[in-house]
Amino acid sequence: MQHQLRIYQVKAGRMDDWVEMWRSDVLPIRRRLGFSVLGPWIIHDESRFVWIVGHDNFSEANAAFYNSPERAALEPQIPKYLDKVEAWMLDSVGV
């Protein structure tokens, strides 16, 4: 399983709205495409939304996500909520 850490800078005062949109719109698309989702978490003092998403074939599934009509329909809404999106692929070191 390949995982990606995603950190979003949410616009001031928009966290509740963003979380609602993420739960109702983004999360179902990811799950429909076979992603596992860890999180989400909020860093309130910094207005950050953090989550980890995984898939056995992350690159292909992520391309399918971004090319889906459902995700394209969300694109105009994203700037209302987010100032910045950061994402990093994670490599497990085992425990």
PDB file of N, CA and C in Angstrom:
ATOM      1  N   MET A   1       0.852  -1.181   0.000  1.00  0.00           N
ATOM      2  CA  MET A   1       0.000   0.000   0.000  1.00  0.00           C
ATOM      3  C   MET A   1       0.894   1.240   0.000  1.00  0.00           C
ATOM      4  N   GLN A   2       0.596   2.168  -0.892  1.00  0.00           N
ATOM      5  CA  GLN A   2       1.297   3.447  -0.961  1.00  0.00           C
ATOM      6  C   GLN A   2       0.417   4.508  -0.312  1.00  0.00           C
ATOM      7  N   HIS A   3       1.037   5.383   0.483  1.00  0.00           N
ATOM      8  CA  HIS A   3       0.279   6.415   1.189  1.00  0.00           C
ATOM      9  C   HIS A   3       0.794   7.801   0.844  1.00  0.00           C
ATOM     10  N   GLN A   4      -0.118   8.756   0.921  1.00  0.00           N
ATOM     11  CA  GLN A   4       0.233  10.154   0.704  1.00  0.00           C
ATOM     12  C   GLN A   4      -0.299  10.980   1.872  1.00  0.00           C
ATOM     13  N   LEU A   5       0.567  11.839   2.406  1.00  0.00           N
ATOM     14  CA  LEU A   5       0.185  12.796   3.432  1.00  0.00           C
ATOM     15  C   LEU A   5      -0.257  14.068   2.730  1.00  0.00           C
ATOM     16  N   ARG A   6      -1.444  14.562   3.088  1.00  0.00           N
ATOM     17  CA  ARG A   6      -1.986  15.759   2.464  1.00  0.00           C
ATOM     18  C   ARG A   6      -2.276  16.784   3.561  1.00  0.00           C
ATOM     19  N   ILE A   7      -1.769  17.988   3.387  1.00  0.00           N
ATOM     20  CA  ILE A   7      -1.986  19.072   4.345  1.00  0.00           C
ATOM     21  C   ILE A   7      -2.548  20.260   3.584  1.00  0.00           C
ATOM     22  N   TYR A   8      -3.691  20.722   4.036  1.00  0.00           N
ATOM     23  CA  TYR A   8      -4.369  21.839   3.386  1.00  0.00           C
ATOM     24  C   TYR A   8      -4.397  23.035   4.333  1.00  0.00           C
ATOM     25  N   GLN A   9      -4.060  24.196   3.811  1.00  0.00           N
ATOM     26  CA  GLN A   9      -4.263  25.447   4.532  1.00  0.00           C
ATOM     27  C   GLN A   9      -5.660  25.921   4.195  1.00  0.00           C
ATOM     28  N   VAL A  10      -6.521  25.913   5.200  1.00  0.00           N
ATOM     29  CA  VAL A  10      -7.925  26.268   4.996  1.00  0.00           C
ATOM     30  C   VAL A  10      -8.105  27.762   5.265  1.00  0.00           C
ATOM     31  N   LYS A  11      -8.889  28.408   4.446  1.00  0.00           N
ATOM     32  CA  LYS A  11      -9.152  29.840   4.621  1.00  0.00           C
ATOM     33  C   LYS A  11      -9.767  30.092   5.997  1.00  0.00           C
ATOM     34  N   ALA A  12      -9.416  31.223   6.575  1.00  0.00           N
ATOM     35  CA  ALA A  12      -9.935  31.601   7.892  1.00  0.00           C
ATOM     36  C   ALA A  12     -11.458  31.556   7.892  1.00  0.00           C
ATOM     37  N   GLY A  13     -12.006  30.906   8.908  1.00  0.00           N
ATOM     38  CA  GLY A  13     -13.453  30.822   9.069  1.00  0.00           C
ATOM     39  C   GLY A  13     -14.155  29.811   8.188  1.00  0.00           C
ATOM     40  N   ARG A  14     -13.414  29.043   7.391  1.00  0.00           N
ATOM     41  CA  ARG A  14     -14.038  28.110   6.458  1.00  0.00           C
ATOM     42  C   ARG A  14     -13.845  26.637   6.822  1.00  0.00           C
ATOM     43  N   MET A  15     -13.235  26.352   7.971  1.00  0.00           N
ATOM     44  CA  MET A  15     -12.921  24.960   8.317  1.00  0.00           C
ATOM     45  C   MET A  15     -14.173  24.083   8.372  1.00  0.00           C
ATOM     46  N   ASP A  16     -15.197  24.514   9.061  1.00  0.00           N
ATOM     47  CA  ASP A  16     -16.406  23.682   9.166  1.00  0.00           C
ATOM     48  C   ASP A  16     -17.008  23.403   7.793  1.00  0.00           C
ATOM     49  N   ASP A  17     -17.047  24.423   6.944  1.00  0.00           N
ATOM     50  CA  ASP A  17     -17.581  24.243   5.592  1.00  0.00           C
ATOM     51  C   ASP A  17     -16.710  23.279   4.791  1.00  0.00           C
ATOM     52  N   TRP A  18     -15.379  23.420   4.926  1.00  0.00           N
ATOM     53  CA  TRP A  18     -14.470  22.533   4.199  1.00  0.00           C
ATOM     54  C   TRP A  18     -14.651  21.087   4.648  1.00  0.00           C
ATOM     55  N   VAL A  19     -14.695  20.861   5.959  1.00  0.00           N
ATOM     56  CA  VAL A  19     -14.840  19.496   6.479  1.00  0.00           C
ATOM     57  C   VAL A  19     -16.136  18.879   5.952  1.00  0.00           C
ATOM     58  N   GLU A  20     -17.201  19.645   5.928  1.00  0.00           N
ATOM     59  CA  GLU A  20     -18.477  19.141   5.406  1.00  0.00           C
ATOM     60  C   GLU A  20     -18.343  18.759   3.929  1.00  0.00           C
ATOM     61  N   MET A  21     -17.708  19.624   3.142  1.00  0.00           N
ATOM     62  CA  MET A  21     -17.541  19.319   1.718  1.00  0.00           C
ATOM     63  C   MET A  21     -16.645  18.101   1.528  1.00  0.00           C
ATOM     64  N   TRP A  22     -15.551  18.031   2.289  1.00  0.00           N
ATOM     65  CA  TRP A  22     -14.634  16.901   2.181  1.00  0.00           C
ATOM     66  C   TRP A  22     -15.376  15.595   2.480  1.00  0.00           C
ATOM     67  N   ARG A  23     -16.151  15.577   3.568  1.00  0.00           N
ATOM     68  CA  ARG A  23     -16.897  14.369   3.946  1.00  0.00           C
ATOM     69  C   ARG A  23     -17.960  13.992   2.921  1.00  0.00           C
ATOM     70  N   SER A  24     -18.673  14.983   2.408  1.00  0.00           N
ATOM     71  CA  SER A  24     -19.801  14.677   1.528  1.00  0.00           C
ATOM     72  C   SER A  24     -19.406  14.490   0.068  1.00  0.00           C
ATOM     73  N   ASP A  25     -18.289  15.099  -0.356  1.00  0.00           N
ATOM     74  CA  ASP A  25     -17.947  15.081  -1.781  1.00  0.00           C
ATOM     75  C   ASP A  25     -16.611  14.404  -2.086  1.00  0.00           C
ATOM     76  N   VAL A  26     -15.542  14.833  -1.429  1.00  0.00           N
ATOM     77  CA  VAL A  26     -14.214  14.304  -1.750  1.00  0.00           C
ATOM     78  C   VAL A  26     -14.066  12.862  -1.270  1.00  0.00           C
ATOM     79  N   LEU A  27     -14.366  12.616  -0.014  1.00  0.00           N
ATOM     80  CA  LEU A  27     -14.189  11.282   0.571  1.00  0.00           C
ATOM     81  C   LEU A  27     -14.929  10.179  -0.195  1.00  0.00           C
ATOM     82  N   PRO A  28     -16.193  10.353  -0.555  1.00  0.00           N
ATOM     83  CA  PRO A  28     -16.881   9.286  -1.299  1.00  0.00           C
ATOM     84  C   PRO A  28     -16.234   8.954  -2.646  1.00  0.00           C
ATOM     85  N   ILE A  29     -15.709   9.961  -3.331  1.00  0.00           N
ATOM     86  CA  ILE A  29     -15.051   9.693  -4.610  1.00  0.00           C
ATOM     87  C   ILE A  29     -13.792   8.864  -4.373  1.00  0.00           C
ATOM     88  N   ARG A  30     -12.994   9.277  -3.399  1.00  0.00           N
ATOM     89  CA  ARG A  30     -11.774   8.524  -3.087  1.00  0.00           C
ATOM     90  C   ARG A  30     -12.112   7.074  -2.733  1.00  0.00           C
ATOM     91  N   ARG A  31     -13.086   6.883  -1.888  1.00  0.00           N
ATOM     92  CA  ARG A  31     -13.449   5.517  -1.473  1.00  0.00           C
ATOM     93  C   ARG A  31     -13.979   4.699  -2.644  1.00  0.00           C
ATOM     94  N   ARG A  32     -14.763   5.313  -3.509  1.00  0.00           N
ATOM     95  CA  ARG A  32     -15.296   4.604  -4.681  1.00  0.00           C
ATOM     96  C   ARG A  32     -14.167   4.113  -5.578  1.00  0.00           C
ATOM     97  N   LEU A  33     -13.066   4.847  -5.603  1.00  0.00           N
ATOM     98  CA  LEU A  33     -11.923   4.464  -6.426  1.00  0.00           C
ATOM     99  C   LEU A  33     -10.945   3.547  -5.689  1.00  0.00           C
ATOM    100  N   GLY A  34     -11.331   3.060  -4.518  1.00  0.00           N
ATOM    101  CA  GLY A  34     -10.542   2.065  -3.806  1.00  0.00           C
ATOM    102  C   GLY A  34      -9.487   2.607  -2.859  1.00  0.00           C
ATOM    103  N   PHE A  35      -9.514   3.897  -2.571  1.00  0.00           N
ATOM    104  CA  PHE A  35      -8.553   4.469  -1.631  1.00  0.00           C
ATOM    105  C   PHE A  35      -8.927   4.117  -0.198  1.00  0.00           C
ATOM    106  N   SER A  36      -7.910   3.914   0.622  1.00  0.00           N
ATOM    107  CA  SER A  36      -8.112   3.868   2.064  1.00  0.00           C
ATOM    108  C   SER A  36      -7.791   5.257   2.587  1.00  0.00           C
ATOM    109  N   VAL A  37      -8.467   5.649   3.640  1.00  0.00           N
ATOM    110  CA  VAL A  37      -8.285   6.994   4.168  1.00  0.00           C
ATOM    111  C   VAL A  37      -8.027   6.912   5.666  1.00  0.00           C
ATOM    112  N   LEU A  38      -6.910   7.519   6.083  1.00  0.00           N
ATOM    113  CA  LEU A  38      -6.597   7.678   7.495  1.00  0.00           C
ATOM    114  C   LEU A  38      -6.819   9.145   7.837  1.00  0.00           C
ATOM    115  N   GLY A  39      -7.424   9.387   8.961  1.00  0.00           N
ATOM    116  CA  GLY A  39      -7.700  10.769   9.358  1.00  0.00           C
ATOM    117  C   GLY A  39      -9.154  11.069   9.079  1.00  0.00           C
ATOM    118  N   PRO A  40      -9.523  12.277   9.016  1.00  0.00           N
ATOM    119  CA  PRO A  40      -8.734  13.491   8.969  1.00  0.00           C
ATOM    120  C   PRO A  40      -8.459  14.046  10.360  1.00  0.00           C
ATOM    121  N   TRP A  41      -7.550  14.988  10.390  1.00  0.00           N
ATOM    122  CA  TRP A  41      -7.220  15.707  11.598  1.00  0.00           C
ATOM    123  C   TRP A  41      -7.221  17.194  11.288  1.00  0.00           C
ATOM    124  N   ILE A  42      -7.441  18.003  12.320  1.00  0.00           N
ATOM    125  CA  ILE A  42      -7.415  19.457  12.183  1.00  0.00           C
ATOM    126  C   ILE A  42      -6.396  20.015  13.161  1.00  0.00           C
ATOM    127  N   ILE A  43      -5.596  20.953  12.687  1.00  0.00           N
ATOM    128  CA  ILE A  43      -4.722  21.743  13.542  1.00  0.00           C
ATOM    129  C   ILE A  43      -5.408  23.104  13.641  1.00  0.00           C
ATOM    130  N   HIS A  44      -6.224  23.276  14.684  1.00  0.00           N
ATOM    131  CA  HIS A  44      -7.076  24.458  14.790  1.00  0.00           C
ATOM    132  C   HIS A  44      -6.288  25.761  14.787  1.00  0.00           C
ATOM    133  N   ASP A  45      -5.211  25.816  15.567  1.00  0.00           N
ATOM    134  CA  ASP A  45      -4.455  27.073  15.708  1.00  0.00           C
ATOM    135  C   ASP A  45      -3.851  27.553  14.394  1.00  0.00           C
ATOM    136  N   GLU A  46      -3.673  26.650  13.447  1.00  0.00           N
ATOM    137  CA  GLU A  46      -3.062  27.001  12.165  1.00  0.00           C
ATOM    138  C   GLU A  46      -4.037  26.884  10.993  1.00  0.00           C
ATOM    139  N   SER A  47      -5.281  26.549  11.283  1.00  0.00           N
ATOM    140  CA  SER A  47      -6.306  26.362  10.259  1.00  0.00           C
ATOM    141  C   SER A  47      -5.835  25.386   9.170  1.00  0.00           C
ATOM    142  N   ARG A  48      -5.308  24.236   9.646  1.00  0.00           N
ATOM    143  CA  ARG A  48      -4.821  23.202   8.725  1.00  0.00           C
ATOM    144  C   ARG A  48      -5.670  21.940   8.849  1.00  0.00           C
ATOM    145  N   PHE A  49      -5.897  21.323   7.702  1.00  0.00           N
ATOM    146  CA  PHE A  49      -6.619  20.064   7.592  1.00  0.00           C
ATOM    147  C   PHE A  49      -5.612  19.041   7.099  1.00  0.00           C
ATOM    148  N   VAL A  50      -5.479  17.931   7.814  1.00  0.00           N
ATOM    149  CA  VAL A  50      -4.451  16.926   7.517  1.00  0.00           C
ATOM    150  C   VAL A  50      -5.116  15.566   7.370  1.00  0.00           C
ATOM    151  N   TRP A  51      -4.697  14.829   6.341  1.00  0.00           N
ATOM    152  CA  TRP A  51      -5.178  13.455   6.202  1.00  0.00           C
ATOM    153  C   TRP A  51      -4.169  12.641   5.427  1.00  0.00           C
ATOM    154  N   ILE A  52      -4.328  11.326   5.509  1.00  0.00           N
ATOM    155  CA  ILE A  52      -3.459  10.387   4.796  1.00  0.00           C
ATOM    156  C   ILE A  52      -4.359   9.498   3.958  1.00  0.00           C
ATOM    157  N   VAL A  53      -4.007   9.380   2.697  1.00  0.00           N
ATOM    158  CA  VAL A  53      -4.790   8.579   1.762  1.00  0.00           C
ATOM    159  C   VAL A  53      -3.869   7.516   1.161  1.00  0.00           C
ATOM    160  N   GLY A  54      -4.389   6.305   0.965  1.00  0.00           N
ATOM    161  CA  GLY A  54      -3.559   5.228   0.450  1.00  0.00           C
ATOM    162  C   GLY A  54      -4.251   4.408  -0.624  1.00  0.00           C
ATOM    163  N   HIS A  55      -3.416   3.746  -1.424  1.00  0.00           N
ATOM    164  CA  HIS A  55      -3.930   2.864  -2.482  1.00  0.00           C
ATOM    165  C   HIS A  55      -2.805   1.924  -2.894  1.00  0.00           C
ATOM    166  N   ASP A  56      -3.141   0.725  -3.340  1.00  0.00           N
ATOM    167  CA  ASP A  56      -2.120  -0.223  -3.793  1.00  0.00           C
ATOM    168  C   ASP A  56      -1.410   0.273  -5.053  1.00  0.00           C
ATOM    169  N   ASN A  57      -2.121   0.973  -5.903  1.00  0.00           N
ATOM    170  CA  ASN A  57      -1.531   1.554  -7.114  1.00  0.00           C
ATOM    171  C   ASN A  57      -1.850   3.039  -7.098  1.00  0.00           C
ATOM    172  N   PHE A  58      -1.165   3.765  -6.237  1.00  0.00           N
ATOM    173  CA  PHE A  58      -1.530   5.145  -5.949  1.00  0.00           C
ATOM    174  C   PHE A  58      -1.519   6.030  -7.190  1.00  0.00           C
ATOM    175  N   SER A  59      -0.482   5.973  -7.959  1.00  0.00           N
ATOM    176  CA  SER A  59      -0.342   6.865  -9.107  1.00  0.00           C
ATOM    177  C   SER A  59      -1.506   6.713 -10.081  1.00  0.00           C
ATOM    178  N   GLU A  60      -1.834   5.484 -10.425  1.00  0.00           N
ATOM    179  CA  GLU A  60      -2.926   5.237 -11.372  1.00  0.00           C
ATOM    180  C   GLU A  60      -4.274   5.650 -10.779  1.00  0.00           C
ATOM    181  N   ALA A  61      -4.506   5.281  -9.521  1.00  0.00           N
ATOM    182  CA  ALA A  61      -5.779   5.615  -8.879  1.00  0.00           C
ATOM    183  C   ALA A  61      -5.918   7.124  -8.676  1.00  0.00           C
ATOM    184  N   ASN A  62      -4.822   7.790  -8.353  1.00  0.00           N
ATOM    185  CA  ASN A  62      -4.866   9.239  -8.155  1.00  0.00           C
ATOM    186  C   ASN A  62      -5.175   9.947  -9.478  1.00  0.00           C
ATOM    187  N   ALA A  63      -4.609   9.460 -10.573  1.00  0.00           N
ATOM    188  CA  ALA A  63      -4.917  10.016 -11.892  1.00  0.00           C
ATOM    189  C   ALA A  63      -6.405   9.818 -12.205  1.00  0.00           C
ATOM    190  N   ALA A  64      -6.937   8.641 -11.880  1.00  0.00           N
ATOM    191  CA  ALA A  64      -8.362   8.380 -12.104  1.00  0.00           C
ATOM    192  C   ALA A  64      -9.220   9.336 -11.271  1.00  0.00           C
ATOM    193  N   PHE A  65      -8.790   9.610 -10.041  1.00  0.00           N
ATOM    194  CA  PHE A  65      -9.509  10.548  -9.178  1.00  0.00           C
ATOM    195  C   PHE A  65      -9.548  11.935  -9.820  1.00  0.00           C
ATOM    196  N   TYR A  66      -8.390  12.463 -10.186  1.00  0.00           N
ATOM    197  CA  TYR A  66      -8.329  13.818 -10.732  1.00  0.00           C
ATOM    198  C   TYR A  66      -8.955  13.926 -12.123  1.00  0.00           C
ATOM    199  N   ASN A  67      -9.052  12.831 -12.842  1.00  0.00           N
ATOM    200  CA  ASN A  67      -9.678  12.839 -14.166  1.00  0.00           C
ATOM    201  C   ASN A  67     -11.161  12.505 -14.127  1.00  0.00           C
ATOM    202  N   SER A  68     -11.686  12.209 -12.942  1.00  0.00           N
ATOM    203  CA  SER A  68     -13.099  11.834 -12.853  1.00  0.00           C
ATOM    204  C   SER A  68     -13.997  13.065 -13.008  1.00  0.00           C
ATOM    205  N   PRO A  69     -15.163  12.881 -13.602  1.00  0.00           N
ATOM    206  CA  PRO A  69     -16.100  14.002 -13.735  1.00  0.00           C
ATOM    207  C   PRO A  69     -16.549  14.536 -12.380  1.00  0.00           C
ATOM    208  N   GLU A  70     -16.643  13.640 -11.391  1.00  0.00           N
ATOM    209  CA  GLU A  70     -17.067  14.068 -10.052  1.00  0.00           C
ATOM    210  C   GLU A  70     -16.051  15.041  -9.446  1.00  0.00           C
ATOM    211  N   ARG A  71     -14.760  14.717  -9.596  1.00  0.00           N
ATOM    212  CA  ARG A  71     -13.725  15.604  -9.052  1.00  0.00           C
ATOM    213  C   ARG A  71     -13.665  16.901  -9.852  1.00  0.00           C
ATOM    214  N   ALA A  72     -13.811  16.816 -11.149  1.00  0.00           N
ATOM    215  CA  ALA A  72     -13.809  18.026 -11.982  1.00  0.00           C
ATOM    216  C   ALA A  72     -14.934  18.978 -11.571  1.00  0.00           C
ATOM    217  N   ALA A  73     -16.070  18.431 -11.183  1.00  0.00           N
ATOM    218  CA  ALA A  73     -17.194  19.264 -10.757  1.00  0.00           C
ATOM    219  C   ALA A  73     -16.895  20.015  -9.469  1.00  0.00           C
ATOM    220  N   LEU A  74     -15.979  19.499  -8.664  1.00  0.00           N
ATOM    221  CA  LEU A  74     -15.616  20.153  -7.401  1.00  0.00           C
ATOM    222  C   LEU A  74     -14.598  21.275  -7.594  1.00  0.00           C
ATOM    223  N   GLU A  75     -13.874  21.242  -8.680  1.00  0.00           N
ATOM    224  CA  GLU A  75     -12.752  22.174  -8.891  1.00  0.00           C
ATOM    225  C   GLU A  75     -13.115  23.645  -8.655  1.00  0.00           C
ATOM    226  N   PRO A  76     -14.243  24.134  -9.167  1.00  0.00           N
ATOM    227  CA  PRO A  76     -14.552  25.547  -8.942  1.00  0.00           C
ATOM    228  C   PRO A  76     -14.786  25.896  -7.469  1.00  0.00           C
ATOM    229  N   GLN A  77     -15.166  24.911  -6.656  1.00  0.00           N
ATOM    230  CA  GLN A  77     -15.460  25.161  -5.249  1.00  0.00           C
ATOM    231  C   GLN A  77     -14.204  25.198  -4.372  1.00  0.00           C
ATOM    232  N   ILE A  78     -13.173  24.465  -4.758  1.00  0.00           N
ATOM    233  CA  ILE A  78     -11.984  24.301  -3.919  1.00  0.00           C
ATOM    234  C   ILE A  78     -11.391  25.639  -3.485  1.00  0.00           C
ATOM    235  N   PRO A  79     -11.195  26.614  -4.377  1.00  0.00           N
ATOM    236  CA  PRO A  79     -10.597  27.889  -3.952  1.00  0.00           C
ATOM    237  C   PRO A  79     -11.412  28.658  -2.909  1.00  0.00           C
ATOM    238  N   LYS A  80     -12.694  28.332  -2.764  1.00  0.00           N
ATOM    239  CA  LYS A  80     -13.500  28.977  -1.724  1.00  0.00           C
ATOM    240  C   LYS A  80     -13.044  28.563  -0.330  1.00  0.00           C
ATOM    241  N   TYR A  81     -12.429  27.381  -0.239  1.00  0.00           N
ATOM    242  CA  TYR A  81     -12.076  26.815   1.061  1.00  0.00           C
ATOM    243  C   TYR A  81     -10.579  26.769   1.334  1.00  0.00           C
ATOM    244  N   LEU A  82      -9.784  26.522   0.326  1.00  0.00           N
ATOM    245  CA  LEU A  82      -8.368  26.236   0.541  1.00  0.00           C
ATOM    246  C   LEU A  82      -7.457  27.298  -0.061  1.00  0.00           C
ATOM    247  N   ASP A  83      -6.449  27.694   0.731  1.00  0.00           N
ATOM    248  CA  ASP A  83      -5.417  28.601   0.240  1.00  0.00           C
ATOM    249  C   ASP A  83      -4.227  27.850  -0.330  1.00  0.00           C
ATOM    250  N   LYS A  84      -3.954  26.672   0.214  1.00  0.00           N
ATOM    251  CA  LYS A  84      -2.758  25.939  -0.186  1.00  0.00           C
ATOM    252  C   LYS A  84      -2.975  24.448   0.032  1.00  0.00           C
ATOM    253  N   VAL A  85      -2.456  23.655  -0.891  1.00  0.00           N
ATOM    254  CA  VAL A  85      -2.494  22.191  -0.779  1.00  0.00           C
ATOM    255  C   VAL A  85      -1.067  21.687  -0.906  1.00  0.00           C
ATOM    256  N   GLU A  86      -0.653  20.861   0.065  1.00  0.00           N
ATOM    257  CA  GLU A  86       0.651  20.216   0.018  1.00  0.00           C
ATOM    258  C   GLU A  86       0.428  18.718   0.116  1.00  0.00           C
ATOM    259  N   ALA A  87       1.248  17.958  -0.603  1.00  0.00           N
ATOM    260  CA  ALA A  87       1.102  16.499  -0.591  1.00  0.00           C
ATOM    261  C   ALA A  87       2.470  15.859  -0.736  1.00  0.00           C
ATOM    262  N   TRP A  88       2.703  14.823   0.057  1.00  0.00           N
ATOM    263  CA  TRP A  88       3.960  14.081   0.012  1.00  0.00           C
ATOM    264  C   TRP A  88       3.674  12.588   0.029  1.00  0.00           C
ATOM    265  N   MET A  89       4.353  11.858  -0.826  1.00  0.00           N
ATOM    266  CA  MET A  89       4.296  10.395  -0.773  1.00  0.00           C
ATOM    267  C   MET A  89       5.121   9.938   0.425  1.00  0.00           C
ATOM    268  N   LEU A  90       4.625   8.923   1.115  1.00  0.00           N
ATOM    269  CA  LEU A  90       5.264   8.415   2.321  1.00  0.00           C
ATOM    270  C   LEU A  90       5.875   7.054   2.064  1.00  0.00           C
ATOM    271  N   ASP A  91       7.053   6.814   2.627  1.00  0.00           N
ATOM    272  CA  ASP A  91       7.707   5.510   2.571  1.00  0.00           C
ATOM    273  C   ASP A  91       7.748   4.938   3.969  1.00  0.00           C
ATOM    274  N   SER A  92       7.209   3.753   4.141  1.00  0.00           N
ATOM    275  CA  SER A  92       7.199   3.101   5.435  1.00  0.00           C
ATOM    276  C   SER A  92       8.599   2.647   5.833  1.00  0.00           C
ATOM    277  N   VAL A  93       8.922   2.790   7.095  1.00  0.00           N
ATOM    278  CA  VAL A  93      10.171   2.265   7.622  1.00  0.00           C
ATOM    279  C   VAL A  93       9.906   1.063   8.516  1.00  0.00           C
ATOM    280  N   GLY A  94       8.631   0.662   8.635  1.00  0.00           N
ATOM    281  CA  GLY A  94       8.260  -0.504   9.438  1.00  0.00           C
ATOM    282  C   GLY A  94       8.351  -0.199  10.929  1.00  0.00           C
ATOM    283  N   VAL A  95       7.707  -1.050  11.701  1.00  0.00           N
ATOM    284  CA  VAL A  95       7.763  -0.919  13.158  1.00  0.00           C
ATOM    285  C   VAL A  95       8.064  -2.240  13.809  1.00  0.00           C
TER     286      VAL A  95
END
